[in-house]
Structure formats: C-alpha cells, structure tokens
Amino acid sequence: MPRRYDIEAAFRSAVVVEPSGRRTLRTVDFVRELKKVNWDFSLRDANAWIEASVSTFRDISPAEGEDRLFMLYNPNGGL
C-alpha cells in the first residue's frame, strides 16, 4: 500500500549529484523511484507534484515534453 511520505523519499532518491556538484532530477527517474514504493504516477502527475511541492528545483529541460530535467538552484532551501 503506498504511503504519502514515500513520495518525498522517492524524490530524494531520484536526485543525481553530478561530479561538478550540480544536483539534477529527471522526471522519468522520479517516476521509476515512485514505482518502487507502489506509487503509479504518470510523467505529467510527477511534474505537477514537483511544481507544487518543491520550490528549490527549476526546470532546465533542453526540449519540450513531459520528460523534464530539473536542477537544484537554492542549495540552502529544502523541499
């Protein structure tokens, strides 16, 4: 049974720290982590959750579509 707090844990698990220190997140990675904890989000649902719940990441996608790329732009902030 999915639990609401698993969504935030899945988000944190999907964040990738690049060698330069930049933290990024792809929507497909977030959806994959959500599936591991029994949440079935579409790419659109995942993007909507990120936009509504996370204020420290911004969209830096190189192309249009639902598979978006987000980057941490305020490392002093939380979710």
N, C-alpha and C. Protein backbone atom coordinates (compact mmCIF):
# COMPACT_ATOMS: atom_id res chain seq x y z
N MET A 1 0.84 -1.18 0.00
CA MET A 1 0.00 0.00 0.00
C MET A 1 0.89 1.24 0.00
N PRO A 2 0.67 2.15 -0.93
CA PRO A 2 1.50 3.36 -0.98
C PRO A 2 1.22 4.30 0.18
N ARG A 3 2.30 4.95 0.62
CA ARG A 3 2.19 5.92 1.71
C ARG A 3 2.68 7.27 1.20
N ARG A 4 2.02 8.33 1.67
CA ARG A 4 2.33 9.68 1.18
C ARG A 4 3.78 10.07 1.41
N TYR A 5 4.34 9.70 2.55
CA TYR A 5 5.72 10.11 2.82
C TYR A 5 6.72 9.42 1.90
N ASP A 6 6.31 8.35 1.24
CA ASP A 6 7.19 7.68 0.28
C ASP A 6 7.44 8.53 -0.96
N ILE A 7 6.53 9.45 -1.26
CA ILE A 7 6.72 10.30 -2.44
C ILE A 7 7.97 11.17 -2.26
N GLU A 8 8.11 11.79 -1.09
CA GLU A 8 9.28 12.64 -0.84
C GLU A 8 10.56 11.81 -0.82
N ALA A 9 10.50 10.62 -0.25
CA ALA A 9 11.68 9.74 -0.23
C ALA A 9 12.07 9.34 -1.66
N ALA A 10 11.08 9.08 -2.50
CA ALA A 10 11.36 8.73 -3.89
C ALA A 10 11.98 9.91 -4.62
N PHE A 11 11.50 11.11 -4.32
CA PHE A 11 12.08 12.31 -4.93
C PHE A 11 13.56 12.43 -4.57
N ARG A 12 13.85 12.29 -3.29
CA ARG A 12 15.25 12.40 -2.84
C ARG A 12 16.12 11.31 -3.47
N SER A 13 15.57 10.12 -3.63
CA SER A 13 16.33 9.02 -4.24
C SER A 13 16.61 9.26 -5.72
N ALA A 14 15.75 10.01 -6.37
CA ALA A 14 15.90 10.26 -7.81
C ALA A 14 16.88 11.38 -8.12
N VAL A 15 17.25 12.17 -7.13
CA VAL A 15 18.18 13.28 -7.36
C VAL A 15 19.57 12.73 -7.64
N VAL A 16 20.19 13.22 -8.70
CA VAL A 16 21.53 12.80 -9.11
C VAL A 16 22.52 13.92 -8.81
N VAL A 17 23.62 13.58 -8.13
CA VAL A 17 24.67 14.56 -7.87
C VAL A 17 25.77 14.34 -8.91
N GLU A 18 25.96 15.31 -9.77
CA GLU A 18 26.97 15.22 -10.82
C GLU A 18 28.36 15.48 -10.24
N PRO A 19 29.43 15.09 -10.94
CA PRO A 19 30.79 15.33 -10.44
C PRO A 19 31.07 16.80 -10.15
N SER A 20 30.40 17.69 -10.85
CA SER A 20 30.60 19.13 -10.62
C SER A 20 29.88 19.62 -9.37
N GLY A 21 29.05 18.74 -8.78
CA GLY A 21 28.30 19.12 -7.59
C GLY A 21 26.87 19.54 -7.88
N ARG A 22 26.55 19.69 -9.15
CA ARG A 22 25.19 20.09 -9.55
C ARG A 22 24.23 18.94 -9.27
N ARG A 23 23.07 19.26 -8.70
CA ARG A 23 22.05 18.26 -8.39
C ARG A 23 20.91 18.39 -9.39
N THR A 24 20.64 17.29 -10.07
CA THR A 24 19.59 17.30 -11.08
C THR A 24 18.62 16.15 -10.84
N LEU A 25 17.48 16.26 -11.49
CA LEU A 25 16.46 15.22 -11.38
C LEU A 25 15.70 15.16 -12.70
N ARG A 26 15.58 13.97 -13.25
CA ARG A 26 14.76 13.75 -14.44
C ARG A 26 13.43 13.18 -13.99
N THR A 27 12.38 13.60 -14.65
CA THR A 27 11.04 13.13 -14.30
C THR A 27 10.95 11.60 -14.40
N VAL A 28 11.56 11.00 -15.42
CA VAL A 28 11.48 9.54 -15.57
C VAL A 28 12.15 8.83 -14.40
N ASP A 29 13.23 9.40 -13.86
CA ASP A 29 13.89 8.80 -12.70
C ASP A 29 12.98 8.87 -11.47
N PHE A 30 12.30 10.00 -11.30
CA PHE A 30 11.37 10.17 -10.19
C PHE A 30 10.23 9.16 -10.29
N VAL A 31 9.67 8.98 -11.48
CA VAL A 31 8.57 8.03 -11.68
C VAL A 31 9.06 6.61 -11.40
N ARG A 32 10.28 6.27 -11.82
CA ARG A 32 10.84 4.95 -11.56
C ARG A 32 10.98 4.70 -10.05
N GLU A 33 11.47 5.71 -9.31
CA GLU A 33 11.59 5.57 -7.86
C GLU A 33 10.21 5.46 -7.20
N LEU A 34 9.23 6.17 -7.73
CA LEU A 34 7.87 6.08 -7.19
C LEU A 34 7.30 4.67 -7.37
N LYS A 35 7.58 4.05 -8.51
CA LYS A 35 7.08 2.69 -8.75
C LYS A 35 7.65 1.71 -7.74
N LYS A 36 8.87 1.94 -7.28
CA LYS A 36 9.49 1.07 -6.28
C LYS A 36 8.75 1.10 -4.96
N VAL A 37 8.04 2.19 -4.68
CA VAL A 37 7.30 2.31 -3.41
C VAL A 37 5.79 2.31 -3.66
N ASN A 38 5.37 1.65 -4.74
CA ASN A 38 3.96 1.40 -5.06
C ASN A 38 3.14 2.63 -5.43
N TRP A 39 3.77 3.67 -5.94
CA TRP A 39 3.02 4.82 -6.47
C TRP A 39 3.08 4.74 -7.97
N ASP A 40 1.95 4.93 -8.63
CA ASP A 40 1.88 4.87 -10.08
C ASP A 40 1.56 6.26 -10.63
N PHE A 41 2.59 7.09 -10.78
CA PHE A 41 2.44 8.44 -11.31
C PHE A 41 2.76 8.43 -12.80
N SER A 42 2.03 9.22 -13.56
CA SER A 42 2.42 9.47 -14.95
C SER A 42 3.49 10.55 -14.93
N LEU A 43 4.12 10.80 -16.06
CA LEU A 43 5.11 11.88 -16.13
C LEU A 43 4.45 13.21 -15.80
N ARG A 44 3.24 13.40 -16.29
CA ARG A 44 2.51 14.65 -16.04
C ARG A 44 2.21 14.81 -14.54
N ASP A 45 1.77 13.72 -13.88
CA ASP A 45 1.50 13.76 -12.44
C ASP A 45 2.77 14.08 -11.65
N ALA A 46 3.87 13.47 -12.05
CA ALA A 46 5.14 13.70 -11.36
C ALA A 46 5.58 15.15 -11.51
N ASN A 47 5.46 15.70 -12.71
CA ASN A 47 5.82 17.10 -12.93
C ASN A 47 4.94 18.03 -12.10
N ALA A 48 3.66 17.71 -12.04
CA ALA A 48 2.73 18.53 -11.25
C ALA A 48 3.10 18.49 -9.78
N TRP A 49 3.48 17.30 -9.27
CA TRP A 49 3.87 17.19 -7.86
C TRP A 49 5.14 18.00 -7.60
N ILE A 50 6.12 17.90 -8.49
CA ILE A 50 7.37 18.65 -8.32
C ILE A 50 7.09 20.15 -8.31
N GLU A 51 6.30 20.62 -9.25
CA GLU A 51 6.00 22.05 -9.33
C GLU A 51 5.24 22.55 -8.10
N ALA A 52 4.36 21.72 -7.55
CA ALA A 52 3.54 22.14 -6.41
C ALA A 52 4.26 21.98 -5.07
N SER A 53 5.15 21.00 -4.97
CA SER A 53 5.71 20.64 -3.67
C SER A 53 7.17 21.02 -3.47
N VAL A 54 7.88 21.32 -4.54
CA VAL A 54 9.31 21.57 -4.44
C VAL A 54 9.62 22.95 -5.01
N SER A 55 10.09 23.83 -4.16
CA SER A 55 10.36 25.20 -4.63
C SER A 55 11.84 25.45 -4.93
N THR A 56 12.70 24.49 -4.64
CA THR A 56 14.13 24.71 -4.80
C THR A 56 14.70 24.13 -6.10
N PHE A 57 13.88 23.51 -6.92
CA PHE A 57 14.32 22.98 -8.20
C PHE A 57 13.61 23.74 -9.30
N ARG A 58 14.32 24.00 -10.41
CA ARG A 58 13.67 24.66 -11.55
C ARG A 58 13.88 23.82 -12.81
N ASP A 59 13.01 24.02 -13.74
CA ASP A 59 13.01 23.27 -14.99
C ASP A 59 14.11 23.82 -15.91
N ILE A 60 15.03 22.96 -16.30
CA ILE A 60 16.09 23.35 -17.24
C ILE A 60 16.08 22.42 -18.46
N SER A 61 14.92 21.89 -18.78
CA SER A 61 14.78 20.92 -19.88
C SER A 61 15.27 21.51 -21.20
N PRO A 62 16.08 20.75 -21.94
CA PRO A 62 16.55 21.23 -23.24
C PRO A 62 15.49 21.10 -24.34
N ALA A 63 14.44 20.31 -24.08
CA ALA A 63 13.40 20.09 -25.10
C ALA A 63 12.03 20.11 -24.44
N GLU A 64 11.01 20.30 -25.26
CA GLU A 64 9.63 20.28 -24.77
C GLU A 64 9.21 18.84 -24.49
N GLY A 65 8.22 18.68 -23.65
CA GLY A 65 7.68 17.35 -23.38
C GLY A 65 7.54 17.11 -21.89
N GLU A 66 7.04 15.93 -21.55
CA GLU A 66 6.79 15.60 -20.15
C GLU A 66 8.03 15.06 -19.45
N ASP A 67 9.00 14.53 -20.19
CA ASP A 67 10.25 14.07 -19.57
C ASP A 67 11.13 15.29 -19.37
N ARG A 68 11.02 15.89 -18.20
CA ARG A 68 11.70 17.15 -17.94
C ARG A 68 12.93 16.95 -17.06
N LEU A 69 13.81 17.92 -17.10
CA LEU A 69 15.03 17.93 -16.30
C LEU A 69 14.94 19.11 -15.34
N PHE A 70 15.11 18.84 -14.06
CA PHE A 70 15.08 19.88 -13.04
C PHE A 70 16.46 19.98 -12.40
N MET A 71 16.82 21.19 -11.97
CA MET A 71 18.11 21.42 -11.31
C MET A 71 17.88 22.16 -10.01
N LEU A 72 18.64 21.79 -8.98
CA LEU A 72 18.60 22.49 -7.71
C LEU A 72 19.22 23.86 -7.90
N TYR A 73 18.50 24.91 -7.56
CA TYR A 73 19.05 26.25 -7.70
C TYR A 73 19.14 26.99 -6.38
N ASN A 74 18.69 26.39 -5.30
CA ASN A 74 18.81 27.00 -3.98
C ASN A 74 19.26 25.93 -3.00
N PRO A 75 20.57 25.67 -2.92
CA PRO A 75 21.04 24.58 -2.06
C PRO A 75 20.79 24.81 -0.58
N ASN A 76 20.45 26.02 -0.18
CA ASN A 76 20.18 26.29 1.23
C ASN A 76 18.74 26.00 1.61
N GLY A 77 17.91 25.78 0.62
CA GLY A 77 16.50 25.50 0.88
C GLY A 77 16.24 24.02 0.97
N GLY A 78 15.09 23.66 1.41
CA GLY A 78 14.71 22.25 1.49
C GLY A 78 13.71 21.93 0.41
N LEU A 79 12.95 20.89 0.64
CA LEU A 79 11.89 20.54 -0.30
C LEU A 79 10.84 21.57 -0.14
